[in-house]
């Protein structure tokens, strides 16, 4: 298929690469020229603009940092039109960004007014999952759009879920990331407590993995440096899922809870912890670097 992919960050670039490897004809666009050139070397076409990338595309995929970027891309702003007003034909629109459900619904309504099929399809699985093509896609939108998107998503992911109508994908993703933030901060707290009382972090990790404290953050993405080979913690917390993005997602969870008067005390605490950690200059590090917050003063 002819696919346009817009947004080539830590997640978007390997996702687009997997589409190229699957044999799709992929045009890519990103504000960072070097990111496009790396994909070009792998067989993608580097486009001159987002609109250029979508020319003739059957599917348009975006992977952007926040709702404002998604709205601006598709709906434009006062001094510039968006992609919805420039698209040729009626390609399927898949936004894989993590944004607020309301932003997803707003963009989805604008797409529907133009007769376009729009899916919000945030992902779980991190950079490792993006590279391996094992991401989980959590899709909101029509059943017909979901079935149309499935073959494309399967080139980038292993688990494809239809959560409901437009916006439902974002709700599910926000709940998932709130739990992930709680688990990562709790795992880092437990490891720090053990180490400060003389335990080897690797030994403690193995004990907890085989006990009732086992969880994804501990078992797959250990936050203590040197415990897990290949983890972000073992490469100075470089790459991966940024602390700034986790703080953003926890903020989305808080806003979602506020809107429906839900009680999220642990989610709120995690939001405060990651916001504090980011404010201390760690926003560009992987979110597992929350471990540093518990090691202050060593």
C-alpha atoms as a PDB file:
ATOM      1  CA  UNK A   1       0.000   0.000   0.000  1.00  0.00           C
ATOM      2  CA  UNK A   2       0.993   3.628  -0.374  1.00  0.00           C
ATOM      3  CA  UNK A   3       1.419   4.972   3.151  1.00  0.00           C
ATOM      4  CA  UNK A   4       2.320   8.422   4.457  1.00  0.00           C
ATOM      5  CA  UNK A   5       4.008   8.448   7.867  1.00  0.00           C
ATOM      6  CA  UNK A   6       4.343  11.762   9.699  1.00  0.00           C
ATOM      7  CA  UNK A   7       6.439  12.040  12.876  1.00  0.00           C
ATOM      8  CA  UNK A   8       9.720  10.138  13.090  1.00  0.00           C
ATOM      9  CA  UNK A   9      10.692  10.333  16.748  1.00  0.00           C
ATOM     10  CA  UNK A  10      11.898   7.495  18.964  1.00  0.00           C
ATOM     11  CA  UNK A  11       8.668   5.594  18.280  1.00  0.00           C
ATOM     12  CA  UNK A  12       7.665   6.780  14.817  1.00  0.00           C
ATOM     13  CA  UNK A  13      10.951   6.049  13.053  1.00  0.00           C
ATOM     14  CA  UNK A  14      11.086   2.304  13.831  1.00  0.00           C
ATOM     15  CA  UNK A  15       7.357   1.982  13.134  1.00  0.00           C
ATOM     16  CA  UNK A  16       7.818   3.519   9.681  1.00  0.00           C
ATOM     17  CA  UNK A  17      10.853   1.308   9.102  1.00  0.00           C
ATOM     18  CA  UNK A  18       8.779  -1.806   9.781  1.00  0.00           C
ATOM     19  CA  UNK A  19       6.259  -0.665   7.186  1.00  0.00           C
ATOM     20  CA  UNK A  20       9.088  -0.352   4.657  1.00  0.00           C
ATOM     21  CA  UNK A  21      10.351  -3.819   5.582  1.00  0.00           C
ATOM     22  CA  UNK A  22       6.839  -5.194   5.081  1.00  0.00           C
ATOM     23  CA  UNK A  23       6.950  -4.032   1.468  1.00  0.00           C
ATOM     24  CA  UNK A  24       4.749  -0.949   1.677  1.00  0.00           C
ATOM     25  CA  UNK A  25       5.531   2.172  -0.336  1.00  0.00           C
ATOM     26  CA  UNK A  26       6.198   4.660   2.453  1.00  0.00           C
ATOM     27  CA  UNK A  27       6.598   8.436   2.237  1.00  0.00           C
ATOM     28  CA  UNK A  28       7.845  10.043   5.440  1.00  0.00           C
ATOM     29  CA  UNK A  29       7.915  13.544   6.855  1.00  0.00           C
ATOM     30  CA  UNK A  30       9.419  15.020  10.014  1.00  0.00           C
ATOM     31  CA  UNK A  31      10.648  18.462  11.014  1.00  0.00           C
ATOM     32  CA  UNK A  32      14.056  16.865  11.686  1.00  0.00           C
ATOM     33  CA  UNK A  33      15.667  16.301   8.305  1.00  0.00           C
ATOM     34  CA  UNK A  34      18.158  13.729   9.616  1.00  0.00           C
ATOM     35  CA  UNK A  35      15.302  11.504  10.758  1.00  0.00           C
ATOM     36  CA  UNK A  36      13.884  11.473   7.228  1.00  0.00           C
ATOM     37  CA  UNK A  37      17.270  10.748   5.682  1.00  0.00           C
ATOM     38  CA  UNK A  38      17.735   7.642   7.839  1.00  0.00           C
ATOM     39  CA  UNK A  39      14.393   6.315   6.603  1.00  0.00           C
ATOM     40  CA  UNK A  40      15.285   7.285   3.054  1.00  0.00           C
ATOM     41  CA  UNK A  41      18.391   5.118   3.287  1.00  0.00           C
ATOM     42  CA  UNK A  42      16.135   2.218   4.263  1.00  0.00           C
ATOM     43  CA  UNK A  43      13.885   2.650   1.239  1.00  0.00           C
ATOM     44  CA  UNK A  44      11.302   5.262   2.198  1.00  0.00           C
ATOM     45  CA  UNK A  45      10.678   8.482   0.290  1.00  0.00           C
ATOM     46  CA  UNK A  46      11.608  11.653   2.171  1.00  0.00           C
ATOM     47  CA  UNK A  47       8.837  14.169   1.497  1.00  0.00           C
ATOM     48  CA  UNK A  48       9.196  17.932   1.308  1.00  0.00           C
ATOM     49  CA  UNK A  49       6.159  18.515   3.537  1.00  0.00           C
ATOM     50  CA  UNK A  50       3.379  16.660   5.297  1.00  0.00           C
ATOM     51  CA  UNK A  51       1.093  17.407   2.358  1.00  0.00           C
ATOM     52  CA  UNK A  52       3.696  16.091  -0.074  1.00  0.00           C
ATOM     53  CA  UNK A  53       3.961  12.877   1.949  1.00  0.00           C
ATOM     54  CA  UNK A  54       0.214  12.280   1.654  1.00  0.00           C
ATOM     55  CA  UNK A  55      -0.028  12.760  -2.114  1.00  0.00           C
ATOM     56  CA  UNK A  56      -1.561   9.576  -3.480  1.00  0.00           C
ATOM     57  CA  UNK A  57      -1.498   7.852  -0.083  1.00  0.00           C
ATOM     58  CA  UNK A  58      -4.075   5.190   0.773  1.00  0.00           C
ATOM     59  CA  UNK A  59      -3.261   5.422   4.477  1.00  0.00           C
ATOM     60  CA  UNK A  60      -1.929   8.357   6.523  1.00  0.00           C
ATOM     61  CA  UNK A  61      -0.290   7.580   9.883  1.00  0.00           C
ATOM     62  CA  UNK A  62       0.832  10.210  12.382  1.00  0.00           C
ATOM     63  CA  UNK A  63       2.915   9.801  15.541  1.00  0.00           C
ATOM     64  CA  UNK A  64       3.211  13.180  17.251  1.00  0.00           C
ATOM     65  CA  UNK A  65       4.021  14.415  20.784  1.00  0.00           C
ATOM     66  CA  UNK A  66       0.736  16.023  21.874  1.00  0.00           C
ATOM     67  CA  UNK A  67      -2.829  16.925  20.965  1.00  0.00           C
ATOM     68  CA  UNK A  68      -1.947  20.420  19.788  1.00  0.00           C
ATOM     69  CA  UNK A  69       0.371  18.951  17.161  1.00  0.00           C
ATOM     70  CA  UNK A  70      -2.295  16.515  15.944  1.00  0.00           C
ATOM     71  CA  UNK A  71      -4.941  19.248  15.715  1.00  0.00           C
ATOM     72  CA  UNK A  72      -2.556  21.554  13.894  1.00  0.00           C
ATOM     73  CA  UNK A  73      -1.489  18.848  11.423  1.00  0.00           C
ATOM     74  CA  UNK A  74      -4.978  17.813  10.391  1.00  0.00           C
ATOM     75  CA  UNK A  75      -7.160  20.838  11.122  1.00  0.00           C
ATOM     76  CA  UNK A  76      -4.661  23.650  10.593  1.00  0.00           C
ATOM     77  CA  UNK A  77      -4.572  26.984  12.399  1.00  0.00           C
ATOM     78  CA  UNK A  78      -5.749  30.532  11.611  1.00  0.00           C
ATOM     79  CA  UNK A  79      -2.885  31.261   9.229  1.00  0.00           C
ATOM     80  CA  UNK A  80      -2.529  27.823   7.627  1.00  0.00           C
ATOM     81  CA  UNK A  81      -4.831  25.052   6.436  1.00  0.00           C
ATOM     82  CA  UNK A  82      -4.493  21.498   7.694  1.00  0.00           C
ATOM     83  CA  UNK A  83      -4.113  18.196   5.900  1.00  0.00           C
ATOM     84  CA  UNK A  84      -7.863  17.551   5.893  1.00  0.00           C
ATOM     85  CA  UNK A  85      -8.281  20.415   3.427  1.00  0.00           C
ATOM     86  CA  UNK A  86      -5.365  19.302   1.261  1.00  0.00           C
ATOM     87  CA  UNK A  87      -5.777  15.538   0.975  1.00  0.00           C
ATOM     88  CA  UNK A  88      -6.250  13.948  -2.411  1.00  0.00           C
ATOM     89  CA  UNK A  89      -8.917  11.266  -2.299  1.00  0.00           C
ATOM     90  CA  UNK A  90     -10.075   9.747   0.981  1.00  0.00           C
ATOM     91  CA  UNK A  91      -7.188   7.911   2.654  1.00  0.00           C
ATOM     92  CA  UNK A  92      -7.662   6.148   5.967  1.00  0.00           C
ATOM     93  CA  UNK A  93      -6.305   8.356   8.778  1.00  0.00           C
ATOM     94  CA  UNK A  94      -4.576   6.628  11.703  1.00  0.00           C
ATOM     95  CA  UNK A  95      -3.226   8.759  14.527  1.00  0.00           C
ATOM     96  CA  UNK A  96      -0.949   6.720  16.808  1.00  0.00           C
ATOM     97  CA  UNK A  97      -0.147   9.648  19.130  1.00  0.00           C
ATOM     98  CA  UNK A  98      -1.219   9.642  22.770  1.00  0.00           C
ATOM     99  CA  UNK A  99      -3.508  12.642  23.201  1.00  0.00           C
ATOM    100  CA  UNK A 100      -6.634  13.513  25.170  1.00  0.00           C
ATOM    101  CA  UNK A 101      -9.811  11.660  24.201  1.00  0.00           C
ATOM    102  CA  UNK A 102     -11.482  15.014  23.520  1.00  0.00           C
ATOM    103  CA  UNK A 103      -8.735  16.023  21.094  1.00  0.00           C
ATOM    104  CA  UNK A 104      -9.169  12.684  19.319  1.00  0.00           C
ATOM    105  CA  UNK A 105     -12.929  13.205  19.101  1.00  0.00           C
ATOM    106  CA  UNK A 106     -12.490  16.764  17.809  1.00  0.00           C
ATOM    107  CA  UNK A 107     -10.166  15.624  15.027  1.00  0.00           C
ATOM    108  CA  UNK A 108     -12.399  12.636  14.327  1.00  0.00           C
ATOM    109  CA  UNK A 109     -15.457  14.872  13.933  1.00  0.00           C
ATOM    110  CA  UNK A 110     -13.543  17.142  11.547  1.00  0.00           C
ATOM    111  CA  UNK A 111     -12.546  14.074   9.524  1.00  0.00           C
ATOM    112  CA  UNK A 112     -16.125  12.777   9.428  1.00  0.00           C
ATOM    113  CA  UNK A 113     -17.384  16.132   8.130  1.00  0.00           C
ATOM    114  CA  UNK A 114     -15.131  15.593   5.115  1.00  0.00           C
ATOM    115  CA  UNK A 115     -16.167  11.971   4.623  1.00  0.00           C
ATOM    116  CA  UNK A 116     -12.846  10.641   5.960  1.00  0.00           C
ATOM    117  CA  UNK A 117     -12.348   7.614   8.195  1.00  0.00           C
ATOM    118  CA  UNK A 118     -10.260   8.486  11.269  1.00  0.00           C
ATOM    119  CA  UNK A 119      -8.886   6.161  13.943  1.00  0.00           C
ATOM    120  CA  UNK A 120      -7.138   7.062  17.171  1.00  0.00           C
ATOM    121  CA  UNK A 121      -4.645   4.227  17.681  1.00  0.00           C
ATOM    122  CA  UNK A 122      -2.183   4.921  20.508  1.00  0.00           C
ATOM    123  CA  UNK A 123       0.426   2.267  21.166  1.00  0.00           C
ATOM    124  CA  UNK A 124       1.965   0.424  24.082  1.00  0.00           C
ATOM    125  CA  UNK A 125       5.260  -1.450  24.115  1.00  0.00           C
ATOM    126  CA  UNK A 126       7.879   1.284  24.073  1.00  0.00           C
ATOM    127  CA  UNK A 127      10.801   1.782  21.714  1.00  0.00           C
ATOM    128  CA  UNK A 128      11.775  -1.871  22.006  1.00  0.00           C
ATOM    129  CA  UNK A 129       8.324  -2.916  20.839  1.00  0.00           C
ATOM    130  CA  UNK A 130       8.427  -0.385  18.007  1.00  0.00           C
ATOM    131  CA  UNK A 131      11.774  -1.745  16.828  1.00  0.00           C
ATOM    132  CA  UNK A 132      10.703  -5.373  17.084  1.00  0.00           C
ATOM    133  CA  UNK A 133       7.304  -4.795  15.511  1.00  0.00           C
ATOM    134  CA  UNK A 134       5.532  -6.129  18.609  1.00  0.00           C
ATOM    135  CA  UNK A 135       3.591  -3.038  19.676  1.00  0.00           C
ATOM    136  CA  UNK A 136       0.089  -3.148  21.070  1.00  0.00           C
ATOM    137  CA  UNK A 137      -2.334  -0.895  19.173  1.00  0.00           C
ATOM    138  CA  UNK A 138      -5.403   0.326  21.052  1.00  0.00           C
ATOM    139  CA  UNK A 139      -7.814   1.532  18.411  1.00  0.00           C
ATOM    140  CA  UNK A 140     -10.830   3.812  18.602  1.00  0.00           C
ATOM    141  CA  UNK A 141     -13.075   4.266  15.579  1.00  0.00           C
ATOM    142  CA  UNK A 142     -15.554   2.458  13.377  1.00  0.00           C
ATOM    143  CA  UNK A 143     -15.455  -1.308  12.946  1.00  0.00           C
ATOM    144  CA  UNK A 144     -15.027  -0.852   9.196  1.00  0.00           C
ATOM    145  CA  UNK A 145     -12.066   1.489   9.700  1.00  0.00           C
ATOM    146  CA  UNK A 146     -10.548  -0.908  12.208  1.00  0.00           C
ATOM    147  CA  UNK A 147     -10.734  -3.828   9.767  1.00  0.00           C
ATOM    148  CA  UNK A 148      -9.248  -1.673   7.016  1.00  0.00           C
ATOM    149  CA  UNK A 149      -6.366  -0.656   9.273  1.00  0.00           C
ATOM    150  CA  UNK A 150      -5.599  -4.098  10.681  1.00  0.00           C
ATOM    151  CA  UNK A 151      -3.194  -5.302   7.912  1.00  0.00           C
ATOM    152  CA  UNK A 152      -1.187  -2.088   8.215  1.00  0.00           C
ATOM    153  CA  UNK A 153      -1.080  -2.177  12.011  1.00  0.00           C
ATOM    154  CA  UNK A 154      -0.021  -5.832  11.971  1.00  0.00           C
ATOM    155  CA  UNK A 155       3.177  -4.802  10.166  1.00  0.00           C
ATOM    156  CA  UNK A 156       4.088  -2.742  13.242  1.00  0.00           C
ATOM    157  CA  UNK A 157       2.416  -4.560  16.116  1.00  0.00           C
ATOM    158  CA  UNK A 158       1.558  -7.906  17.615  1.00  0.00           C
ATOM    159  CA  UNK A 159      -1.618  -7.136  19.554  1.00  0.00           C
ATOM    160  CA  UNK A 160      -4.376  -5.110  17.897  1.00  0.00           C
ATOM    161  CA  UNK A 161      -7.397  -4.143  20.035  1.00  0.00           C
ATOM    162  CA  UNK A 162     -10.588  -2.339  19.052  1.00  0.00           C
ATOM    163  CA  UNK A 163     -11.537  -0.353  22.155  1.00  0.00           C
ATOM    164  CA  UNK A 164     -14.678   1.331  20.800  1.00  0.00           C
ATOM    165  CA  UNK A 165     -15.567   4.539  18.985  1.00  0.00           C
ATOM    166  CA  UNK A 166     -13.155   7.426  18.307  1.00  0.00           C
ATOM    167  CA  UNK A 167     -11.534   8.502  21.584  1.00  0.00           C
ATOM    168  CA  UNK A 168     -11.858   5.083  23.214  1.00  0.00           C
ATOM    169  CA  UNK A 169      -8.325   4.162  22.208  1.00  0.00           C
ATOM    170  CA  UNK A 170      -7.005   7.202  24.079  1.00  0.00           C
ATOM    171  CA  UNK A 171      -9.033   6.413  27.217  1.00  0.00           C
ATOM    172  CA  UNK A 172      -7.629   2.880  27.329  1.00  0.00           C
ATOM    173  CA  UNK A 173      -4.079   4.071  26.660  1.00  0.00           C
ATOM    174  CA  UNK A 174      -4.294   6.755  29.355  1.00  0.00           C
ATOM    175  CA  UNK A 175      -5.480   4.189  31.906  1.00  0.00           C
ATOM    176  CA  UNK A 176      -2.644   1.866  30.896  1.00  0.00           C
ATOM    177  CA  UNK A 177       0.024   4.558  31.173  1.00  0.00           C
ATOM    178  CA  UNK A 178      -1.299   5.761  34.511  1.00  0.00           C
ATOM    179  CA  UNK A 179      -0.829   2.226  35.822  1.00  0.00           C
ATOM    180  CA  UNK A 180       2.630   2.033  34.210  1.00  0.00           C
ATOM    181  CA  UNK A 181       3.674   5.278  35.907  1.00  0.00           C
ATOM    182  CA  UNK A 182       2.463   3.953  39.260  1.00  0.00           C
ATOM    183  CA  UNK A 183       4.288   0.643  38.751  1.00  0.00           C
ATOM    184  CA  UNK A 184       7.556   2.267  37.662  1.00  0.00           C
ATOM    185  CA  UNK A 185       7.647   4.742  40.537  1.00  0.00           C
ATOM    186  CA  UNK A 186       6.737   1.974  43.005  1.00  0.00           C
ATOM    187  CA  UNK A 187       9.373  -0.378  41.601  1.00  0.00           C
ATOM    188  CA  UNK A 188      12.042   2.320  41.832  1.00  0.00           C
ATOM    189  CA  UNK A 189      11.001   3.071  45.415  1.00  0.00           C
ATOM    190  CA  UNK A 190      11.210  -0.586  46.469  1.00  0.00           C
ATOM    191  CA  UNK A 191      14.610  -1.094  44.826  1.00  0.00           C
ATOM    192  CA  UNK A 192      16.031   2.015  46.475  1.00  0.00           C
ATOM    193  CA  UNK A 193      14.788   0.880  49.884  1.00  0.00           C
ATOM    194  CA  UNK A 194      16.416  -2.518  49.489  1.00  0.00           C
ATOM    195  CA  UNK A 195      19.741  -1.152  48.272  1.00  0.00           C
ATOM    196  CA  UNK A 196      19.893   1.393  51.096  1.00  0.00           C
ATOM    197  CA  UNK A 197      19.580  -1.563  53.460  1.00  0.00           C
ATOM    198  CA  UNK A 198      22.455  -3.486  51.918  1.00  0.00           C
ATOM    199  CA  UNK A 199      20.795  -5.609  49.231  1.00  0.00           C
ATOM    200  CA  UNK A 200      22.191  -6.183  45.756  1.00  0.00           C
ATOM    201  CA  UNK A 201      19.693  -4.615  43.303  1.00  0.00           C
ATOM    202  CA  UNK A 202      20.003  -7.558  40.905  1.00  0.00           C
ATOM    203  CA  UNK A 203      19.343 -10.088  43.660  1.00  0.00           C
ATOM    204  CA  UNK A 204      16.402  -8.089  45.002  1.00  0.00           C
ATOM    205  CA  UNK A 205      15.000  -7.724  41.503  1.00  0.00           C
ATOM    206  CA  UNK A 206      15.115 -11.468  40.926  1.00  0.00           C
ATOM    207  CA  UNK A 207      13.438 -12.146  44.265  1.00  0.00           C
ATOM    208  CA  UNK A 208      10.615  -9.718  43.526  1.00  0.00           C
ATOM    209  CA  UNK A 209      10.233 -10.971  39.937  1.00  0.00           C
ATOM    210  CA  UNK A 210       9.561 -14.464  41.282  1.00  0.00           C
ATOM    211  CA  UNK A 211       7.323 -13.180  44.053  1.00  0.00           C
ATOM    212  CA  UNK A 212       4.116 -11.202  44.330  1.00  0.00           C
ATOM    213  CA  UNK A 213       5.883  -7.914  43.570  1.00  0.00           C
ATOM    214  CA  UNK A 214       6.599  -8.929  39.974  1.00  0.00           C
ATOM    215  CA  UNK A 215       5.330  -6.440  37.383  1.00  0.00           C
ATOM    216  CA  UNK A 216       6.168  -5.225  33.875  1.00  0.00           C
ATOM    217  CA  UNK A 217       8.406  -2.367  35.031  1.00  0.00           C
ATOM    218  CA  UNK A 218      10.464  -4.759  37.165  1.00  0.00           C
ATOM    219  CA  UNK A 219      10.402  -7.801  34.897  1.00  0.00           C
ATOM    220  CA  UNK A 220      10.933  -6.143  31.522  1.00  0.00           C
ATOM    221  CA  UNK A 221      12.220  -2.603  32.086  1.00  0.00           C
ATOM    222  CA  UNK A 222      14.191  -2.635  35.317  1.00  0.00           C
ATOM    223  CA  UNK A 223      15.008   0.962  36.361  1.00  0.00           C
ATOM    224  CA  UNK A 224      18.231   0.185  38.262  1.00  0.00           C
ATOM    225  CA  UNK A 225      21.395   0.669  36.141  1.00  0.00           C
ATOM    226  CA  UNK A 226      23.266  -2.503  35.289  1.00  0.00           C
ATOM    227  CA  UNK A 227      20.601  -4.951  36.432  1.00  0.00           C
ATOM    228  CA  UNK A 228      19.055  -5.635  33.026  1.00  0.00           C
ATOM    229  CA  UNK A 229      21.200  -5.691  29.909  1.00  0.00           C
ATOM    230  CA  UNK A 230      19.792  -3.565  27.119  1.00  0.00           C
ATOM    231  CA  UNK A 231      17.429  -1.588  29.330  1.00  0.00           C
ATOM    232  CA  UNK A 232      17.356   2.201  29.198  1.00  0.00           C
ATOM    233  CA  UNK A 233      18.701   2.230  32.766  1.00  0.00           C
ATOM    234  CA  UNK A 234      21.825   0.419  31.571  1.00  0.00           C
ATOM    235  CA  UNK A 235      22.538   3.002  28.888  1.00  0.00           C
ATOM    236  CA  UNK A 236      22.316   6.102  31.072  1.00  0.00           C
ATOM    237  CA  UNK A 237      18.546   6.344  30.549  1.00  0.00           C
ATOM    238  CA  UNK A 238      19.024   7.430  26.940  1.00  0.00           C
ATOM    239  CA  UNK A 239      16.298   6.836  24.347  1.00  0.00           C
ATOM    240  CA  UNK A 240      13.111   5.041  25.221  1.00  0.00           C
ATOM    241  CA  UNK A 241       9.959   6.702  26.529  1.00  0.00           C
ATOM    242  CA  UNK A 242      10.850  10.157  27.801  1.00  0.00           C
ATOM    243  CA  UNK A 243      10.070  11.388  31.305  1.00  0.00           C
ATOM    244  CA  UNK A 244       8.415  14.449  29.758  1.00  0.00           C
ATOM    245  CA  UNK A 245       6.024  12.187  27.852  1.00  0.00           C
ATOM    246  CA  UNK A 246       5.160  10.120  30.920  1.00  0.00           C
ATOM    247  CA  UNK A 247       4.484  13.333  32.834  1.00  0.00           C
ATOM    248  CA  UNK A 248       2.245  14.450  29.953  1.00  0.00           C
ATOM    249  CA  UNK A 249       0.322  11.163  29.950  1.00  0.00           C
ATOM    250  CA  UNK A 250      -0.172  11.258  33.710  1.00  0.00           C
ATOM    251  CA  UNK A 251      -1.479  14.783  33.276  1.00  0.00           C
ATOM    252  CA  UNK A 252      -3.963  13.466  30.702  1.00  0.00           C
ATOM    253  CA  UNK A 253      -5.076  10.834  33.224  1.00  0.00           C
ATOM    254  CA  UNK A 254      -5.583  13.511  35.853  1.00  0.00           C
ATOM    255  CA  UNK A 255      -7.632  15.625  33.446  1.00  0.00           C
ATOM    256  CA  UNK A 256      -9.701  12.591  32.470  1.00  0.00           C
ATOM    257  CA  UNK A 257     -10.373  11.809  36.133  1.00  0.00           C
ATOM    258  CA  UNK A 258     -11.258  15.433  36.844  1.00  0.00           C
ATOM    259  CA  UNK A 259     -13.790  15.421  34.032  1.00  0.00           C
ATOM    260  CA  UNK A 260     -15.694  12.431  35.394  1.00  0.00           C
ATOM    261  CA  UNK A 261     -14.958  13.030  39.103  1.00  0.00           C
ATOM    262  CA  UNK A 262     -12.999   9.781  39.424  1.00  0.00           C
ATOM    263  CA  UNK A 263     -10.711   9.217  42.411  1.00  0.00           C
ATOM    264  CA  UNK A 264      -7.107   8.575  41.325  1.00  0.00           C
ATOM    265  CA  UNK A 265      -4.860   9.182  44.375  1.00  0.00           C
ATOM    266  CA  UNK A 266      -2.053   6.907  43.199  1.00  0.00           C
ATOM    267  CA  UNK A 267      -2.202   8.294  39.680  1.00  0.00           C
ATOM    268  CA  UNK A 268      -2.044  11.823  41.082  1.00  0.00           C
ATOM    269  CA  UNK A 269       0.975  10.930  43.210  1.00  0.00           C
ATOM    270  CA  UNK A 270       2.733   9.410  40.209  1.00  0.00           C
ATOM    271  CA  UNK A 271       1.954  12.556  38.223  1.00  0.00           C
ATOM    272  CA  UNK A 272       3.533  14.721  40.906  1.00  0.00           C
ATOM    273  CA  UNK A 273       6.621  12.492  41.127  1.00  0.00           C
ATOM    274  CA  UNK A 274       7.271  12.484  37.389  1.00  0.00           C
ATOM    275  CA  UNK A 275       6.588  16.223  37.141  1.00  0.00           C
ATOM    276  CA  UNK A 276       9.114  16.850  39.923  1.00  0.00           C
ATOM    277  CA  UNK A 277      11.648  14.545  38.274  1.00  0.00           C
ATOM    278  CA  UNK A 278      11.198  16.316  34.933  1.00  0.00           C
ATOM    279  CA  UNK A 279      11.525  19.738  36.585  1.00  0.00           C
ATOM    280  CA  UNK A 280      14.891  18.665  37.997  1.00  0.00           C
ATOM    281  CA  UNK A 281      16.287  18.453  34.476  1.00  0.00           C
ATOM    282  CA  UNK A 282      15.434  14.856  33.633  1.00  0.00           C
ATOM    283  CA  UNK A 283      12.632  15.388  31.139  1.00  0.00           C
ATOM    284  CA  UNK A 284      14.769  14.190  28.226  1.00  0.00           C
ATOM    285  CA  UNK A 285      15.729  10.935  29.948  1.00  0.00           C
ATOM    286  CA  UNK A 286      13.804   7.678  29.776  1.00  0.00           C
ATOM    287  CA  UNK A 287      10.970   7.532  32.297  1.00  0.00           C
ATOM    288  CA  UNK A 288      12.686   4.715  34.224  1.00  0.00           C
ATOM    289  CA  UNK A 289      15.140   7.405  35.341  1.00  0.00           C
ATOM    290  CA  UNK A 290      12.583   8.124  38.092  1.00  0.00           C
ATOM    291  CA  UNK A 291      14.951   5.779  39.952  1.00  0.00           C
ATOM    292  CA  UNK A 292      17.308   8.755  40.315  1.00  0.00           C
ATOM    293  CA  UNK A 293      14.698  10.579  42.378  1.00  0.00           C
ATOM    294  CA  UNK A 294      14.943   7.859  45.022  1.00  0.00           C
ATOM    295  CA  UNK A 295      18.760   7.819  44.953  1.00  0.00           C
ATOM    296  CA  UNK A 296      19.200  11.503  45.742  1.00  0.00           C
ATOM    297  CA  UNK A 297      21.887  12.073  48.315  1.00  0.00           C
ATOM    298  CA  UNK A 298      23.866   8.895  47.589  1.00  0.00           C
END
